[in-house]
Amino acid sequence: MSPEIGRLVLVIGIVLVVIGGLAAFGIRLPFGRLPGDIAIEGERGGVYIPIVTMIIISVVLTILANLFLRR
């Protein structure tokens, strides 16, 4: 495993631990339920499809991967 990939995995792990810690303390994250996300509510339940949230997360992860894996 190359050192760049090791650093990327380490950073992703740290970010996940921080997000998990915030969620454990009940702190809401600043994203989610953005305009463009689909929420369908019915009598028996609902469906939430976070399209815009996933696009934003994908862009951020792509930028981070390019920063750490640049040669």
Protein backbone atom coordinates (compact mmCIF):
# COMPACT_ATOMS: atom_id res chain seq x y z
CA MET A 1 0.00 0.00 0.00
CA SER A 2 1.43 3.38 -0.94
CA PRO A 3 1.83 6.14 1.68
CA GLU A 4 -0.64 8.39 -0.15
CA ILE A 5 -3.44 5.85 0.07
CA GLY A 6 -2.57 5.21 3.71
CA ARG A 7 -2.89 8.93 4.48
CA LEU A 8 -6.20 9.12 2.61
CA VAL A 9 -7.61 6.16 4.54
CA LEU A 10 -6.40 7.72 7.79
CA VAL A 11 -8.07 11.07 7.02
CA ILE A 12 -11.33 9.39 5.99
CA GLY A 13 -11.26 7.36 9.21
CA ILE A 14 -10.71 10.46 11.34
CA VAL A 15 -13.55 12.29 9.58
CA LEU A 16 -15.88 9.33 10.15
CA VAL A 17 -14.95 9.17 13.84
CA VAL A 18 -15.62 12.90 14.24
CA ILE A 19 -18.98 12.67 12.45
CA GLY A 20 -19.91 9.61 14.51
CA GLY A 21 -18.98 11.41 17.73
CA LEU A 22 -21.10 14.41 16.78
CA ALA A 23 -24.03 12.15 15.96
CA ALA A 24 -23.63 10.31 19.28
CA PHE A 25 -23.95 13.60 21.15
CA GLY A 26 -27.04 14.53 19.15
CA ILE A 27 -25.42 17.36 17.22
CA ARG A 28 -27.02 17.81 13.82
CA LEU A 29 -24.69 18.20 10.88
CA PRO A 30 -25.02 21.29 8.68
CA PHE A 31 -26.05 19.27 5.64
CA GLY A 32 -28.99 17.02 4.91
CA ARG A 33 -32.48 17.87 3.72
CA LEU A 34 -31.02 20.26 1.16
CA PRO A 35 -33.12 21.74 -1.65
CA GLY A 36 -33.15 19.10 -4.36
CA ASP A 37 -33.30 16.14 -1.99
CA ILE A 38 -36.44 14.08 -2.47
CA ALA A 39 -38.69 13.38 0.51
CA ILE A 40 -41.91 11.45 -0.01
CA GLU A 41 -44.20 11.13 2.99
CA GLY A 42 -47.17 8.81 3.07
CA GLU A 43 -49.65 7.43 5.58
CA ARG A 44 -47.53 4.36 6.33
CA GLY A 45 -44.09 5.95 6.29
CA GLY A 46 -41.81 7.85 4.03
CA VAL A 47 -38.84 7.73 1.71
CA TYR A 48 -35.92 10.16 1.73
CA ILE A 49 -33.54 10.25 -1.25
CA PRO A 50 -30.63 12.66 -0.61
CA ILE A 51 -29.58 13.36 -4.21
CA VAL A 52 -28.05 16.84 -3.73
CA THR A 53 -26.43 15.85 -0.43
CA MET A 54 -24.72 12.87 -2.10
CA ILE A 55 -23.52 15.06 -4.99
CA ILE A 56 -21.95 17.53 -2.54
CA ILE A 57 -20.30 14.74 -0.55
CA SER A 58 -19.01 13.19 -3.77
CA VAL A 59 -17.47 16.47 -4.91
CA VAL A 60 -15.78 17.01 -1.53
CA LEU A 61 -14.39 13.45 -1.46
CA THR A 62 -13.16 13.82 -5.06
CA ILE A 63 -11.31 17.03 -4.16
CA LEU A 64 -9.76 15.37 -1.09
CA ALA A 65 -8.71 12.32 -3.10
CA ASN A 66 -7.10 14.52 -5.74
CA LEU A 67 -5.21 16.48 -3.08
CA PHE A 68 -3.85 13.38 -1.37
CA LEU A 69 -3.25 11.19 -4.43
CA ARG A 70 -1.70 13.85 -6.67
CA ARG A 71 1.64 12.78 -8.11
